[in-house]
């Protein structure tokens, strides 16, 4: 800083920069708050009858259909898991038989 430049002017310039940045940041926060409030009003409106009875009925039917489909798929998955366990048990048995047969074959 030169001797001719007054320290209070430098401090004032720095303060001015800080205030400008803070006002920009505050404007950004305000925009975000307004957007969030608008979204909240939109969601509240949808919960208070924003969807028609036909739409709600269609959604309820879709949920019921998906729940039935989910039950069917769970049953198929359980069945496949049971068959897989049976197949694994057979493989273990056959492996034991092969190992036991190989042990006996070497004794002859």
C-alpha atoms as a PDB file:
ATOM      1  CA  UNK A   1       0.000   0.000   0.000  1.00  0.00           C
ATOM      2  CA  UNK A   2       1.399   3.384  -0.894  1.00  0.00           C
ATOM      3  CA  UNK A   3       1.768   6.164   1.623  1.00  0.00           C
ATOM      4  CA  UNK A   4      -0.672   8.330  -0.302  1.00  0.00           C
ATOM      5  CA  UNK A   5      -3.409   5.653  -0.148  1.00  0.00           C
ATOM      6  CA  UNK A   6      -5.392   6.003   3.012  1.00  0.00           C
ATOM      7  CA  UNK A   7      -5.937   2.796   5.053  1.00  0.00           C
ATOM      8  CA  UNK A   8      -9.615   3.555   5.571  1.00  0.00           C
ATOM      9  CA  UNK A   9     -10.154   3.554   1.782  1.00  0.00           C
ATOM     10  CA  UNK A  10      -8.627   0.080   1.461  1.00  0.00           C
ATOM     11  CA  UNK A  11     -10.757  -1.174   4.352  1.00  0.00           C
ATOM     12  CA  UNK A  12     -13.840   0.400   2.784  1.00  0.00           C
ATOM     13  CA  UNK A  13     -13.104  -1.295  -0.563  1.00  0.00           C
ATOM     14  CA  UNK A  14     -12.686  -4.647   1.176  1.00  0.00           C
ATOM     15  CA  UNK A  15     -15.913  -4.124   3.102  1.00  0.00           C
ATOM     16  CA  UNK A  16     -17.708  -3.203  -0.103  1.00  0.00           C
ATOM     17  CA  UNK A  17     -16.505  -6.435  -1.748  1.00  0.00           C
ATOM     18  CA  UNK A  18     -17.636  -8.519   1.208  1.00  0.00           C
ATOM     19  CA  UNK A  19     -21.068  -6.878   1.286  1.00  0.00           C
ATOM     20  CA  UNK A  20     -21.461  -7.448  -2.457  1.00  0.00           C
ATOM     21  CA  UNK A  21     -20.595 -11.158  -2.120  1.00  0.00           C
ATOM     22  CA  UNK A  22     -22.937 -11.549   0.843  1.00  0.00           C
ATOM     23  CA  UNK A  23     -25.797  -9.913  -1.042  1.00  0.00           C
ATOM     24  CA  UNK A  24     -25.237 -12.313  -3.979  1.00  0.00           C
ATOM     25  CA  UNK A  25     -25.200 -15.267  -1.588  1.00  0.00           C
ATOM     26  CA  UNK A  26     -28.342 -14.020   0.135  1.00  0.00           C
ATOM     27  CA  UNK A  27     -30.072 -13.684  -3.245  1.00  0.00           C
ATOM     28  CA  UNK A  28     -29.148 -17.286  -4.019  1.00  0.00           C
ATOM     29  CA  UNK A  29     -30.555 -18.461  -0.682  1.00  0.00           C
ATOM     30  CA  UNK A  30     -33.749 -16.507  -1.352  1.00  0.00           C
ATOM     31  CA  UNK A  31     -34.164 -18.128  -4.784  1.00  0.00           C
ATOM     32  CA  UNK A  32     -33.669 -21.581  -3.276  1.00  0.00           C
ATOM     33  CA  UNK A  33     -36.145 -20.850  -0.478  1.00  0.00           C
ATOM     34  CA  UNK A  34     -38.775 -19.604  -2.935  1.00  0.00           C
ATOM     35  CA  UNK A  35     -38.275 -22.671  -5.116  1.00  0.00           C
ATOM     36  CA  UNK A  36     -38.593 -24.976  -2.100  1.00  0.00           C
ATOM     37  CA  UNK A  37     -41.739 -23.187  -0.904  1.00  0.00           C
ATOM     38  CA  UNK A  38     -43.301 -23.464  -4.363  1.00  0.00           C
ATOM     39  CA  UNK A  39     -42.475 -27.183  -4.485  1.00  0.00           C
ATOM     40  CA  UNK A  40     -43.949 -27.662  -1.009  1.00  0.00           C
ATOM     41  CA  UNK A  41     -47.169 -25.890  -2.037  1.00  0.00           C
ATOM     42  CA  UNK A  42     -47.298 -28.102  -5.135  1.00  0.00           C
ATOM     43  CA  UNK A  43     -46.926 -31.252  -3.049  1.00  0.00           C
ATOM     44  CA  UNK A  44     -49.476 -30.043  -0.473  1.00  0.00           C
ATOM     45  CA  UNK A  45     -51.925 -29.322  -3.281  1.00  0.00           C
ATOM     46  CA  UNK A  46     -51.503 -32.831  -4.673  1.00  0.00           C
ATOM     47  CA  UNK A  47     -52.228 -34.282  -1.247  1.00  0.00           C
ATOM     48  CA  UNK A  48     -55.370 -32.182  -0.802  1.00  0.00           C
ATOM     49  CA  UNK A  49     -57.208 -33.449  -3.825  1.00  0.00           C
ATOM     50  CA  UNK A  50     -54.775 -32.379  -6.511  1.00  0.00           C
ATOM     51  CA  UNK A  51     -55.237 -35.814  -8.067  1.00  0.00           C
ATOM     52  CA  UNK A  52     -58.647 -36.769  -9.364  1.00  0.00           C
ATOM     53  CA  UNK A  53     -60.586 -39.762  -8.087  1.00  0.00           C
ATOM     54  CA  UNK A  54     -59.960 -41.544 -11.381  1.00  0.00           C
ATOM     55  CA  UNK A  55     -56.213 -41.025 -11.008  1.00  0.00           C
ATOM     56  CA  UNK A  56     -56.274 -42.246  -7.414  1.00  0.00           C
ATOM     57  CA  UNK A  57     -58.328 -45.276  -8.413  1.00  0.00           C
ATOM     58  CA  UNK A  58     -55.929 -46.059 -11.254  1.00  0.00           C
ATOM     59  CA  UNK A  59     -52.977 -45.752  -8.877  1.00  0.00           C
ATOM     60  CA  UNK A  60     -54.669 -48.014  -6.330  1.00  0.00           C
ATOM     61  CA  UNK A  61     -55.367 -50.611  -9.026  1.00  0.00           C
ATOM     62  CA  UNK A  62     -51.768 -50.417 -10.215  1.00  0.00           C
ATOM     63  CA  UNK A  63     -50.456 -50.916  -6.670  1.00  0.00           C
ATOM     64  CA  UNK A  64     -52.722 -53.936  -6.174  1.00  0.00           C
ATOM     65  CA  UNK A  65     -51.588 -55.425  -9.489  1.00  0.00           C
ATOM     66  CA  UNK A  66     -47.932 -54.893  -8.571  1.00  0.00           C
ATOM     67  CA  UNK A  67     -48.483 -56.486  -5.156  1.00  0.00           C
ATOM     68  CA  UNK A  68     -50.058 -59.558  -6.798  1.00  0.00           C
ATOM     69  CA  UNK A  69     -47.217 -59.738  -9.305  1.00  0.00           C
ATOM     70  CA  UNK A  70     -44.718 -59.398  -6.469  1.00  0.00           C
ATOM     71  CA  UNK A  71     -46.382 -62.296  -4.630  1.00  0.00           C
ATOM     72  CA  UNK A  72     -46.252 -64.441  -7.761  1.00  0.00           C
ATOM     73  CA  UNK A  73     -42.584 -63.625  -8.294  1.00  0.00           C
ATOM     74  CA  UNK A  74     -41.773 -64.411  -4.655  1.00  0.00           C
ATOM     75  CA  UNK A  75     -43.443 -67.799  -5.068  1.00  0.00           C
ATOM     76  CA  UNK A  76     -41.460 -68.519  -8.212  1.00  0.00           C
ATOM     77  CA  UNK A  77     -38.266 -67.424  -6.495  1.00  0.00           C
ATOM     78  CA  UNK A  78     -38.936 -69.667  -3.493  1.00  0.00           C
ATOM     79  CA  UNK A  79     -39.669 -72.575  -5.813  1.00  0.00           C
ATOM     80  CA  UNK A  80     -36.476 -71.981  -7.790  1.00  0.00           C
ATOM     81  CA  UNK A  81     -34.478 -71.735  -4.561  1.00  0.00           C
ATOM     82  CA  UNK A  82     -35.913 -75.100  -3.433  1.00  0.00           C
ATOM     83  CA  UNK A  83     -35.053 -76.754  -6.743  1.00  0.00           C
ATOM     84  CA  UNK A  84     -31.563 -75.271  -6.567  1.00  0.00           C
ATOM     85  CA  UNK A  85     -31.045 -76.694  -3.076  1.00  0.00           C
ATOM     86  CA  UNK A  86     -32.210 -80.124  -4.285  1.00  0.00           C
ATOM     87  CA  UNK A  87     -29.837 -79.974  -7.254  1.00  0.00           C
ATOM     88  CA  UNK A  88     -26.961 -78.933  -4.989  1.00  0.00           C
ATOM     89  CA  UNK A  89     -27.720 -81.824  -2.629  1.00  0.00           C
ATOM     90  CA  UNK A  90     -27.654 -84.235  -5.585  1.00  0.00           C
ATOM     91  CA  UNK A  91     -24.327 -82.834  -6.783  1.00  0.00           C
ATOM     92  CA  UNK A  92     -22.851 -83.248  -3.284  1.00  0.00           C
ATOM     93  CA  UNK A  93     -24.177 -86.808  -3.142  1.00  0.00           C
ATOM     94  CA  UNK A  94     -22.790 -87.687  -6.578  1.00  0.00           C
ATOM     95  CA  UNK A  95     -19.423 -86.161  -5.683  1.00  0.00           C
ATOM     96  CA  UNK A  96     -19.296 -88.226  -2.490  1.00  0.00           C
ATOM     97  CA  UNK A  97     -20.219 -91.344  -4.451  1.00  0.00           C
ATOM     98  CA  UNK A  98     -17.542 -90.638  -7.053  1.00  0.00           C
ATOM     99  CA  UNK A  99     -14.906 -90.052  -4.391  1.00  0.00           C
ATOM    100  CA  UNK A 100     -15.947 -93.184  -2.521  1.00  0.00           C
ATOM    101  CA  UNK A 101     -15.918 -95.203  -5.735  1.00  0.00           C
ATOM    102  CA  UNK A 102     -12.456 -93.884  -6.652  1.00  0.00           C
ATOM    103  CA  UNK A 103     -11.139 -94.847  -3.237  1.00  0.00           C
ATOM    104  CA  UNK A 104     -12.480 -98.399  -3.597  1.00  0.00           C
ATOM    105  CA  UNK A 105     -11.264 -98.733  -7.163  1.00  0.00           C
ATOM    106  CA  UNK A 106      -7.697 -98.026  -6.128  1.00  0.00           C
ATOM    107  CA  UNK A 107      -7.766-100.857  -3.538  1.00  0.00           C
ATOM    108  CA  UNK A 108      -8.358-103.635  -6.075  1.00  0.00           C
END
